[in-house]
Amino acid sequence: MSLLESGENYLETILVLMQKNGSVRSIDIAEAMGFTKASVSRAMSILKKEDYIIMDPDGSIHLTKEGLKKANAIYERHTTLTQFIHKILKVDLEIAEKDACRIEHIISDETFKGIKKLLK
């Protein structure tokens, strides 16, 4: 299944919030991303339909096996690209974070592997 950039951002946010807080609800995602609860609710229904998340009756959100795999891959790209842009290209960390967030969705696997290899 192919996700749009926005779906990837949601999965990454869910992963980060899970690591930080242990549990995630729609309101947490809305606050973290600066979106309305209605927008997050719509996105969660799409991610649920595509089997990336499970929503408990109490509103808790969990990544499925496939969702966790995809979220980890996105997060790895984000952190690796941030590190590359900041440490190798000597770009301010805040700018590196923002640029990495844009690049992580479009970079080819081959180029990403090359950057990872360069950082080792």
C-alpha atoms as a PDB file:
ATOM      1  CA  MET A   1       0.000   0.000   0.000  1.00  0.00           C
ATOM      2  CA  SER A   2       1.268   3.414  -0.892  1.00  0.00           C
ATOM      3  CA  LEU A   3       0.738   6.240   1.578  1.00  0.00           C
ATOM      4  CA  LEU A   4       0.629   9.902   0.823  1.00  0.00           C
ATOM      5  CA  GLU A   5       3.023  12.226   2.623  1.00  0.00           C
ATOM      6  CA  SER A   6       0.324  13.265   5.101  1.00  0.00           C
ATOM      7  CA  GLY A   7      -0.373   9.633   6.033  1.00  0.00           C
ATOM      8  CA  GLU A   8       3.326   9.033   6.565  1.00  0.00           C
ATOM      9  CA  ASN A   9       3.501  12.105   8.801  1.00  0.00           C
ATOM     10  CA  TYR A  10       0.621  10.791  10.894  1.00  0.00           C
ATOM     11  CA  LEU A  11       2.272   7.387  11.307  1.00  0.00           C
ATOM     12  CA  GLU A  12       5.551   9.001  12.290  1.00  0.00           C
ATOM     13  CA  THR A  13       3.777  11.234  14.814  1.00  0.00           C
ATOM     14  CA  ILE A  14       1.938   8.261  16.321  1.00  0.00           C
ATOM     15  CA  LEU A  15       5.243   6.397  16.693  1.00  0.00           C
ATOM     16  CA  VAL A  16       6.993   9.346  18.350  1.00  0.00           C
ATOM     17  CA  LEU A  17       4.066   9.945  20.718  1.00  0.00           C
ATOM     18  CA  MET A  18       3.950   6.242  21.621  1.00  0.00           C
ATOM     19  CA  GLN A  19       7.650   6.309  22.451  1.00  0.00           C
ATOM     20  CA  LYS A  20       7.253   9.496  24.478  1.00  0.00           C
ATOM     21  CA  ASN A  21       3.937   8.896  26.269  1.00  0.00           C
ATOM     22  CA  GLY A  22       3.279   5.177  25.998  1.00  0.00           C
ATOM     23  CA  SER A  23      -0.225   5.723  24.619  1.00  0.00           C
ATOM     24  CA  VAL A  24      -1.738   7.880  21.910  1.00  0.00           C
ATOM     25  CA  ARG A  25      -5.175   9.409  21.371  1.00  0.00           C
ATOM     26  CA  SER A  26      -6.452  11.610  18.545  1.00  0.00           C
ATOM     27  CA  ILE A  27      -6.215  14.734  20.695  1.00  0.00           C
ATOM     28  CA  ASP A  28      -2.493  14.045  21.277  1.00  0.00           C
ATOM     29  CA  ILE A  29      -1.915  13.815  17.534  1.00  0.00           C
ATOM     30  CA  ALA A  30      -3.922  16.976  16.901  1.00  0.00           C
ATOM     31  CA  GLU A  31      -1.879  18.910  19.460  1.00  0.00           C
ATOM     32  CA  ALA A  32       1.451  17.550  18.201  1.00  0.00           C
ATOM     33  CA  MET A  33       0.714  18.306  14.557  1.00  0.00           C
ATOM     34  CA  GLY A  34      -1.293  21.492  15.023  1.00  0.00           C
ATOM     35  CA  PHE A  35      -4.370  20.072  13.278  1.00  0.00           C
ATOM     36  CA  THR A  36      -8.019  20.051  14.288  1.00  0.00           C
ATOM     37  CA  LYS A  37      -9.423  16.976  15.964  1.00  0.00           C
ATOM     38  CA  ALA A  38     -11.788  16.580  12.995  1.00  0.00           C
ATOM     39  CA  SER A  39      -8.853  16.432  10.543  1.00  0.00           C
ATOM     40  CA  VAL A  40      -7.068  13.885  12.714  1.00  0.00           C
ATOM     41  CA  SER A  41     -10.251  11.825  13.049  1.00  0.00           C
ATOM     42  CA  ARG A  42     -10.600  11.664   9.271  1.00  0.00           C
ATOM     43  CA  ALA A  43      -6.954  10.666   8.855  1.00  0.00           C
ATOM     44  CA  MET A  44      -7.270   7.983  11.541  1.00  0.00           C
ATOM     45  CA  SER A  45     -10.263   6.455   9.775  1.00  0.00           C
ATOM     46  CA  ILE A  46      -8.211   6.243   6.568  1.00  0.00           C
ATOM     47  CA  LEU A  47      -5.209   4.711   8.364  1.00  0.00           C
ATOM     48  CA  LYS A  48      -7.528   2.257  10.107  1.00  0.00           C
ATOM     49  CA  LYS A  49      -9.167   1.288   6.806  1.00  0.00           C
ATOM     50  CA  GLU A  50      -5.726   0.701   5.295  1.00  0.00           C
ATOM     51  CA  ASP A  51      -4.772  -1.469   8.311  1.00  0.00           C
ATOM     52  CA  TYR A  52      -2.005   0.774   9.643  1.00  0.00           C
ATOM     53  CA  ILE A  53      -3.669   1.431  13.001  1.00  0.00           C
ATOM     54  CA  ILE A  54      -6.149  -0.067  15.454  1.00  0.00           C
ATOM     55  CA  MET A  55      -8.396   2.129  17.555  1.00  0.00           C
ATOM     56  CA  ASP A  56      -9.629   0.853  20.919  1.00  0.00           C
ATOM     57  CA  PRO A  57     -13.137   1.683  22.138  1.00  0.00           C
ATOM     58  CA  ASP A  58     -11.584   4.104  24.658  1.00  0.00           C
ATOM     59  CA  GLY A  59      -9.949   6.053  21.808  1.00  0.00           C
ATOM     60  CA  SER A  60      -6.408   4.711  22.212  1.00  0.00           C
ATOM     61  CA  ILE A  61      -4.549   4.331  18.936  1.00  0.00           C
ATOM     62  CA  HIS A  62      -2.085   1.519  18.245  1.00  0.00           C
ATOM     63  CA  LEU A  63       0.039   0.787  15.209  1.00  0.00           C
ATOM     64  CA  THR A  64      -0.521  -2.555  13.519  1.00  0.00           C
ATOM     65  CA  LYS A  65       2.483  -4.654  12.543  1.00  0.00           C
ATOM     66  CA  GLU A  66       2.434  -3.056   9.086  1.00  0.00           C
ATOM     67  CA  GLY A  67       1.858   0.401  10.592  1.00  0.00           C
ATOM     68  CA  LEU A  68       4.806  -0.003  12.942  1.00  0.00           C
ATOM     69  CA  LYS A  69       7.032  -1.194  10.099  1.00  0.00           C
ATOM     70  CA  LYS A  70       6.084   1.804   7.956  1.00  0.00           C
ATOM     71  CA  ALA A  71       6.360   4.290  10.855  1.00  0.00           C
ATOM     72  CA  ASN A  72       9.817   2.993  11.811  1.00  0.00           C
ATOM     73  CA  ALA A  73      11.019   3.284   8.206  1.00  0.00           C
ATOM     74  CA  ILE A  74       9.762   6.861   7.956  1.00  0.00           C
ATOM     75  CA  TYR A  75      11.241   7.783  11.330  1.00  0.00           C
ATOM     76  CA  GLU A  76      14.598   6.258  10.353  1.00  0.00           C
ATOM     77  CA  ARG A  77      14.640   8.358   7.198  1.00  0.00           C
ATOM     78  CA  HIS A  78      13.755  11.453   9.196  1.00  0.00           C
ATOM     79  CA  THR A  79      16.455  10.993  11.836  1.00  0.00           C
ATOM     80  CA  THR A  80      19.129   9.920   9.347  1.00  0.00           C
ATOM     81  CA  LEU A  81      18.419  12.813   6.980  1.00  0.00           C
ATOM     82  CA  THR A  82      18.341  15.277   9.877  1.00  0.00           C
ATOM     83  CA  GLN A  83      21.716  14.007  11.050  1.00  0.00           C
ATOM     84  CA  PHE A  84      23.156  14.170   7.521  1.00  0.00           C
ATOM     85  CA  ILE A  85      21.929  17.696   6.846  1.00  0.00           C
ATOM     86  CA  HIS A  86      22.994  18.987  10.266  1.00  0.00           C
ATOM     87  CA  LYS A  87      26.345  17.227  10.745  1.00  0.00           C
ATOM     88  CA  ILE A  88      27.633  16.821   7.211  1.00  0.00           C
ATOM     89  CA  LEU A  89      26.138  19.869   5.523  1.00  0.00           C
ATOM     90  CA  LYS A  90      26.482  22.026   8.689  1.00  0.00           C
ATOM     91  CA  VAL A  91      22.909  23.323   8.494  1.00  0.00           C
ATOM     92  CA  ASP A  92      21.210  24.640  11.637  1.00  0.00           C
ATOM     93  CA  LEU A  93      19.395  21.788  13.437  1.00  0.00           C
ATOM     94  CA  GLU A  94      15.952  23.411  13.227  1.00  0.00           C
ATOM     95  CA  ILE A  95      16.293  23.902   9.477  1.00  0.00           C
ATOM     96  CA  ALA A  96      17.746  20.396   9.084  1.00  0.00           C
ATOM     97  CA  GLU A  97      14.674  18.947  10.859  1.00  0.00           C
ATOM     98  CA  LYS A  98      12.252  20.806   8.603  1.00  0.00           C
ATOM     99  CA  ASP A  99      14.115  19.898   5.421  1.00  0.00           C
ATOM    100  CA  ALA A 100      14.447  16.253   6.469  1.00  0.00           C
ATOM    101  CA  CYS A 101      10.690  16.124   7.026  1.00  0.00           C
ATOM    102  CA  ARG A 102      10.124  17.188   3.428  1.00  0.00           C
ATOM    103  CA  ILE A 103      12.838  15.040   1.863  1.00  0.00           C
ATOM    104  CA  GLU A 104      12.001  11.817   3.743  1.00  0.00           C
ATOM    105  CA  HIS A 105       8.903  11.265   1.612  1.00  0.00           C
ATOM    106  CA  ILE A 106      10.484  11.580  -1.818  1.00  0.00           C
ATOM    107  CA  ILE A 107      14.072  10.358  -1.537  1.00  0.00           C
ATOM    108  CA  SER A 108      14.846   7.148  -3.422  1.00  0.00           C
ATOM    109  CA  ASP A 109      15.882   4.029  -1.526  1.00  0.00           C
ATOM    110  CA  GLU A 110      19.207   4.045  -3.364  1.00  0.00           C
ATOM    111  CA  THR A 111      20.062   7.613  -2.356  1.00  0.00           C
ATOM    112  CA  PHE A 112      18.938   6.988   1.220  1.00  0.00           C
ATOM    113  CA  LYS A 113      21.165   3.899   1.455  1.00  0.00           C
ATOM    114  CA  GLY A 114      24.072   6.002   0.170  1.00  0.00           C
ATOM    115  CA  ILE A 115      23.497   8.655   2.842  1.00  0.00           C
ATOM    116  CA  LYS A 116      23.281   5.981   5.565  1.00  0.00           C
ATOM    117  CA  LYS A 117      26.527   4.454   4.317  1.00  0.00           C
ATOM    118  CA  LEU A 118      28.233   7.851   4.310  1.00  0.00           C
ATOM    119  CA  LEU A 119      27.191   8.495   7.924  1.00  0.00           C
ATOM    120  CA  LYS A 120      28.701   5.215   9.189  1.00  0.00           C
END
